[in-house]
Amino acid sequence: MNWDDCRVFLSVARSGRMLTAARSLGSTQATVSRRIKALEESLDTILLVRRAHGCDLTDDGRLLFEKLERAEVEFLGAVERISNARHGVSGIVRIGAPDGFGTAVLAPRLPDLSAKHPNLSIQLVPMPRTFSLSQREADIAICVGRPTDGALVVRKLMDYSLSLYAAPAYLERSPQITSSADLSDHTLVSYVDDLIPTPSLDYISEFTSTWANRIEVASALGQQEIVRAAGGIGILHDFLVKQEMGLEKVLPDLSIERSYWIVVHENQRHSRRIRAVSDYIIEIAR
């Protein structure tokens, strides 16, 4: 059995598509298909069922995938330990985070983390609606709402609050607001309904059920900029709103609370590089 064939199989099993695996490996779909066929012939079994939407694992395929993942973790762990013994904490760590937390909390502090571990390469990427730590889309994920699926190690990172904000120019030209019932006369700046990344962010009804109209933006930072431009009232992260932005709280007594969670795959929990970065994130979030 050829390890290169196994590596290709792992990529296909994680992505569910040969074309996606080929792109991630810098190869071609034909080469990937040939590698999978060679592996199946060497094991005298069928590992993948090709379908229109992609590939499904057979029972033998699932068994091999589980064993290869464990072997890969052991191999990478050994490489990491050898490298760390010579160079300290090293390697690549990819952090997936929501745009607000990633931009406002993590990004300004990554230089300090890099200085602490100069042999560490850090990648900060936006977290999509769905992600897979097992498919190596991220080594560490920051989530709103506690994940419950998969073999994950989950820890609460921090609580945060959200409140209604508007620009003075918007409030001056709009009907007065004295209670949540008055919000029905106003424009809401919010997430795009069908692109809300997690049910935890579907919080509009916690303020009011009716708005005059809406401007929908898939990004928390994008919503904030529209509110600053007097485009409407936004439900914004309190920790993102700075005094110099000149925004005013609307109905100051009305706010909601959410939590960030830090997540790593169970297979990665003992990795020194993952632990170094996750411990740092936990420290700065306190």
Protein backbone atom coordinates (compact mmCIF):
# COMPACT_ATOMS: atom_id res chain seq x y z
CA MET A 1 0.00 0.00 0.00
CA ASN A 2 1.44 3.35 -1.10
CA TRP A 3 1.31 6.21 1.45
CA ASP A 4 0.89 8.79 -1.32
CA ASP A 5 -2.27 6.94 -2.37
CA CYS A 6 -3.44 7.03 1.25
CA ARG A 7 -2.81 10.78 1.43
CA VAL A 8 -4.94 11.28 -1.68
CA PHE A 9 -7.67 9.07 -0.20
CA LEU A 10 -7.69 11.14 3.01
CA SER A 11 -8.16 14.32 1.02
CA VAL A 12 -11.04 12.88 -1.01
CA ALA A 13 -12.70 11.43 2.10
CA ARG A 14 -12.50 14.79 3.88
CA SER A 15 -13.79 16.90 1.02
CA GLY A 16 -16.22 14.39 -0.50
CA ARG A 17 -15.20 15.41 -4.02
CA MET A 18 -12.29 14.36 -6.21
CA LEU A 19 -12.03 17.75 -7.88
CA THR A 20 -11.82 19.54 -4.53
CA ALA A 21 -9.18 17.08 -3.35
CA ALA A 22 -7.21 17.56 -6.55
CA ARG A 23 -7.16 21.32 -6.08
CA SER A 24 -6.05 21.07 -2.47
CA LEU A 25 -3.27 18.67 -3.44
CA GLY A 26 -2.17 20.70 -6.46
CA SER A 27 -2.98 17.76 -8.72
CA THR A 28 -5.56 16.83 -11.34
CA GLN A 29 -8.86 15.00 -10.99
CA ALA A 30 -7.59 12.25 -13.29
CA THR A 31 -4.51 11.70 -11.13
CA VAL A 32 -6.60 11.60 -7.96
CA SER A 33 -8.98 9.07 -9.52
CA ARG A 34 -6.02 6.94 -10.62
CA ARG A 35 -4.52 7.03 -7.11
CA ILE A 36 -7.81 5.96 -5.53
CA LYS A 37 -8.17 3.10 -8.00
CA ALA A 38 -4.62 1.93 -7.23
CA LEU A 39 -5.34 1.97 -3.50
CA GLU A 40 -8.58 0.02 -3.97
CA GLU A 41 -6.78 -2.56 -6.10
CA SER A 42 -4.00 -2.96 -3.52
CA LEU A 43 -6.60 -3.60 -0.81
CA ASP A 44 -8.93 -5.61 -3.07
CA THR A 45 -11.98 -3.58 -2.03
CA ILE A 46 -14.11 -0.59 -2.96
CA LEU A 47 -13.47 2.46 -0.78
CA LEU A 48 -15.56 5.12 -2.50
CA VAL A 49 -18.87 5.15 -4.34
CA ARG A 50 -18.86 7.80 -7.07
CA ARG A 51 -22.10 9.79 -7.27
CA ALA A 52 -23.25 12.88 -9.16
CA HIS A 53 -22.76 15.10 -6.11
CA GLY A 54 -19.38 13.65 -5.12
CA CYS A 55 -18.09 10.55 -3.36
CA ASP A 56 -19.47 8.52 -0.45
CA LEU A 57 -17.37 6.23 1.71
CA THR A 58 -18.19 2.54 1.80
CA ASP A 59 -17.95 0.64 5.09
CA ASP A 60 -14.38 -0.34 4.22
CA GLY A 61 -13.70 3.25 3.23
CA ARG A 62 -14.91 4.57 6.58
CA LEU A 63 -12.80 2.02 8.43
CA LEU A 64 -9.68 2.92 6.45
CA PHE A 65 -10.36 6.64 6.87
CA GLU A 66 -10.57 6.32 10.66
CA LYS A 67 -7.34 4.30 10.84
CA LEU A 68 -5.46 6.59 8.45
CA GLU A 69 -6.55 9.69 10.36
CA ARG A 70 -5.13 8.23 13.55
CA ALA A 71 -1.93 7.25 11.77
CA GLU A 72 -1.66 10.74 10.28
CA VAL A 73 -2.11 12.35 13.70
CA GLU A 74 0.60 10.11 15.17
CA PHE A 75 2.94 10.83 12.27
CA LEU A 76 2.40 14.59 12.37
CA GLY A 77 2.73 14.54 16.15
CA ALA A 78 6.08 12.78 15.91
CA VAL A 79 7.31 15.26 13.29
CA GLU A 80 6.12 18.13 15.47
CA ARG A 81 7.84 16.79 18.59
CA ILE A 82 11.12 16.31 16.73
CA SER A 83 10.89 19.79 15.22
CA ASN A 84 9.90 21.42 18.51
CA ALA A 85 12.79 19.76 20.31
CA ARG A 86 15.15 21.54 17.91
CA HIS A 87 13.32 24.78 17.13
CA GLY A 88 10.66 25.28 19.82
CA VAL A 89 6.98 25.53 18.87
CA SER A 90 6.80 25.51 15.07
CA GLY A 91 4.53 24.76 12.14
CA ILE A 92 1.35 26.25 10.71
CA VAL A 93 -1.76 27.00 12.76
CA ARG A 94 -4.91 28.15 10.98
CA ILE A 95 -7.48 30.01 13.08
CA GLY A 96 -11.02 30.38 11.80
CA ALA A 97 -12.96 33.19 13.46
CA PRO A 98 -16.02 35.42 12.93
CA ASP A 99 -15.07 38.73 11.32
CA GLY A 100 -15.72 40.87 14.39
CA PHE A 101 -13.70 38.78 16.81
CA GLY A 102 -11.01 37.99 14.26
CA THR A 103 -10.49 41.60 13.19
CA ALA A 104 -10.95 43.44 16.48
CA VAL A 105 -9.60 40.95 19.02
CA LEU A 106 -7.24 38.54 17.29
CA ALA A 107 -5.61 40.45 14.45
CA PRO A 108 -4.05 43.25 16.59
CA ARG A 109 -2.49 40.64 18.89
CA LEU A 110 -1.08 38.22 16.34
CA PRO A 111 2.25 40.10 16.14
CA ASP A 112 2.75 39.45 19.86
CA LEU A 113 1.96 35.76 19.39
CA SER A 114 4.37 35.63 16.47
CA ALA A 115 7.09 37.25 18.59
CA LYS A 116 6.58 34.63 21.31
CA HIS A 117 6.85 31.79 18.79
CA PRO A 118 8.94 33.01 15.83
CA ASN A 119 8.95 29.57 14.16
CA LEU A 120 5.16 29.47 14.11
CA SER A 121 3.21 30.43 10.98
CA ILE A 122 -0.23 31.79 11.86
CA GLN A 123 -3.17 31.97 9.46
CA LEU A 124 -6.34 33.88 10.34
CA VAL A 125 -9.30 33.11 8.07
CA PRO A 126 -12.99 34.09 8.17
CA MET A 127 -15.18 31.34 9.53
CA PRO A 128 -17.89 30.28 7.04
CA ARG A 129 -21.36 29.12 8.01
CA THR A 130 -20.19 25.52 8.02
CA PHE A 131 -16.70 24.28 8.65
CA SER A 132 -14.89 21.04 9.38
CA LEU A 133 -11.93 20.75 11.72
CA SER A 134 -11.56 17.11 10.64
CA GLN A 135 -11.11 18.28 7.04
CA ARG A 136 -8.38 20.68 8.22
CA GLU A 137 -10.32 23.78 7.14
CA ALA A 138 -9.05 25.22 10.42
CA ASP A 139 -6.94 23.96 13.31
CA ILE A 140 -8.70 26.20 15.81
CA ALA A 141 -12.22 27.57 15.39
CA ILE A 142 -13.88 30.45 17.23
CA CYS A 143 -17.65 29.91 17.21
CA VAL A 144 -20.75 31.75 18.35
CA GLY A 145 -22.86 29.10 20.00
CA ARG A 146 -21.43 25.88 21.39
CA PRO A 147 -20.80 23.18 18.74
CA THR A 148 -22.16 19.75 19.60
CA ASP A 149 -21.23 17.66 16.56
CA GLY A 150 -18.09 15.64 16.03
CA ALA A 151 -15.09 14.71 18.16
CA LEU A 152 -14.43 18.24 19.36
CA VAL A 153 -12.82 19.78 22.43
CA VAL A 154 -14.88 22.87 23.27
CA ARG A 155 -14.21 25.61 25.82
CA LYS A 156 -16.06 28.86 26.48
CA LEU A 157 -13.89 31.81 25.48
CA MET A 158 -15.87 34.87 26.55
CA ASP A 159 -19.32 36.38 26.84
CA TYR A 160 -20.20 39.55 24.94
CA SER A 161 -23.20 41.81 24.59
CA LEU A 162 -24.99 43.37 21.63
CA SER A 163 -27.06 46.56 21.68
CA LEU A 164 -28.96 48.81 19.30
CA TYR A 165 -26.89 51.63 17.80
CA ALA A 166 -27.51 54.44 15.32
CA ALA A 167 -25.68 57.48 13.99
CA PRO A 168 -26.84 60.91 15.26
CA ALA A 169 -27.66 61.93 11.67
CA TYR A 170 -30.03 58.98 11.32
CA LEU A 171 -31.77 59.68 14.63
CA GLU A 172 -32.21 63.37 13.80
CA ARG A 173 -34.13 62.66 10.59
CA SER A 174 -36.13 59.66 11.87
CA PRO A 175 -39.15 59.20 14.16
CA GLN A 176 -38.41 59.33 17.87
CA ILE A 177 -37.74 56.06 19.70
CA THR A 178 -39.00 55.67 23.27
CA SER A 179 -39.78 51.94 23.31
CA SER A 180 -39.21 48.80 21.24
CA ALA A 181 -42.63 49.32 19.64
CA ASP A 182 -41.26 52.44 17.91
CA LEU A 183 -38.67 50.35 16.04
CA SER A 184 -41.36 49.38 13.53
CA ASP A 185 -40.90 52.85 11.98
CA HIS A 186 -37.18 52.35 11.38
CA THR A 187 -34.65 50.68 9.10
CA LEU A 188 -32.80 47.70 10.54
CA VAL A 189 -29.24 46.89 9.50
CA SER A 190 -28.84 43.14 10.00
CA TYR A 191 -27.51 39.84 8.71
CA VAL A 192 -28.86 38.33 5.49
CA ASP A 193 -31.48 35.89 6.76
CA ASP A 194 -30.45 32.84 4.74
CA LEU A 195 -26.74 33.50 5.34
CA ILE A 196 -26.86 33.79 9.13
CA PRO A 197 -23.82 31.71 10.17
CA THR A 198 -25.40 30.24 13.32
CA PRO A 199 -28.83 30.22 15.00
CA SER A 200 -27.23 32.13 17.88
CA LEU A 201 -27.07 35.20 15.61
CA ASP A 202 -30.74 35.01 14.61
CA TYR A 203 -31.62 37.51 17.34
CA ILE A 204 -33.76 40.18 15.66
CA SER A 205 -36.95 38.98 17.34
CA GLU A 206 -35.34 39.55 20.74
CA PHE A 207 -35.59 43.28 20.05
CA THR A 208 -38.78 43.55 18.02
CA SER A 209 -40.67 41.54 15.42
CA THR A 210 -41.41 44.42 13.03
CA TRP A 211 -39.21 46.92 11.17
CA ALA A 212 -40.10 49.36 8.40
CA ASN A 213 -37.42 47.87 6.15
CA ARG A 214 -34.00 46.27 6.27
CA ILE A 215 -30.51 46.57 4.86
CA GLU A 216 -28.92 43.13 5.08
CA VAL A 217 -25.17 42.53 5.21
CA ALA A 218 -23.43 39.20 5.81
CA SER A 219 -20.64 40.79 7.85
CA ALA A 220 -20.77 42.26 11.38
CA LEU A 221 -18.17 44.87 10.42
CA GLY A 222 -20.12 45.71 7.26
CA GLN A 223 -23.25 46.29 9.33
CA GLN A 224 -21.30 48.59 11.61
CA GLU A 225 -20.10 50.71 8.68
CA ILE A 226 -23.64 51.11 7.33
CA VAL A 227 -24.83 52.23 10.75
CA ARG A 228 -21.96 54.75 10.90
CA ALA A 229 -23.10 56.04 7.50
CA ALA A 230 -26.57 56.74 8.99
CA GLY A 231 -28.16 53.87 7.07
CA GLY A 232 -30.30 52.61 9.94
CA ILE A 233 -30.26 51.00 13.36
CA GLY A 234 -27.90 48.09 13.90
CA ILE A 235 -27.61 45.35 16.50
CA LEU A 236 -23.88 45.74 17.09
CA HIS A 237 -21.24 44.10 19.26
CA ASP A 238 -20.60 46.44 22.18
CA PHE A 239 -16.88 45.60 22.19
CA LEU A 240 -16.58 46.67 18.54
CA VAL A 241 -18.19 50.09 18.96
CA LYS A 242 -15.57 52.71 19.83
CA GLN A 243 -16.30 56.16 21.24
CA GLU A 244 -14.69 57.91 18.29
CA MET A 245 -17.26 56.33 15.95
CA GLY A 246 -19.84 58.75 17.32
CA LEU A 247 -22.63 56.18 17.49
CA GLU A 248 -25.44 56.44 20.02
CA LYS A 249 -27.13 53.61 21.87
CA VAL A 250 -30.81 53.26 21.11
CA LEU A 251 -32.91 52.03 24.06
CA PRO A 252 -29.79 51.57 26.26
CA ASP A 253 -31.54 49.19 28.64
CA LEU A 254 -32.21 46.73 25.83
CA SER A 255 -29.33 44.36 25.07
CA ILE A 256 -28.63 40.66 24.59
CA GLU A 257 -25.71 38.40 25.47
CA ARG A 258 -23.90 35.79 23.42
CA SER A 259 -20.75 33.70 23.89
CA TYR A 260 -17.68 32.81 21.87
CA TRP A 261 -16.36 29.27 22.08
CA ILE A 262 -12.91 28.01 21.13
CA VAL A 263 -12.88 24.61 19.43
CA VAL A 264 -10.17 22.16 18.39
CA HIS A 265 -10.47 18.65 17.03
CA GLU A 266 -9.92 15.93 19.61
CA ASN A 267 -7.06 14.52 17.53
CA GLN A 268 -5.22 17.85 17.84
CA ARG A 269 -5.73 18.55 21.52
CA HIS A 270 -2.19 17.45 22.53
CA SER A 271 -0.39 19.25 19.70
CA ARG A 272 2.09 21.77 21.16
CA ARG A 273 1.53 24.31 18.39
CA ILE A 274 -2.27 24.08 18.68
CA ARG A 275 -2.07 24.29 22.45
CA ALA A 276 0.29 27.28 22.34
CA VAL A 277 -2.07 29.24 20.10
CA SER A 278 -5.30 28.22 21.83
CA ASP A 279 -3.84 29.07 25.26
CA TYR A 280 -2.82 32.49 23.93
CA ILE A 281 -6.31 33.16 22.55
CA ILE A 282 -7.88 32.15 25.86
CA GLU A 283 -5.48 34.48 27.69
CA ILE A 284 -6.23 37.57 25.59
CA ALA A 285 -9.99 36.96 25.73
CA ARG A 286 -10.10 37.16 29.52
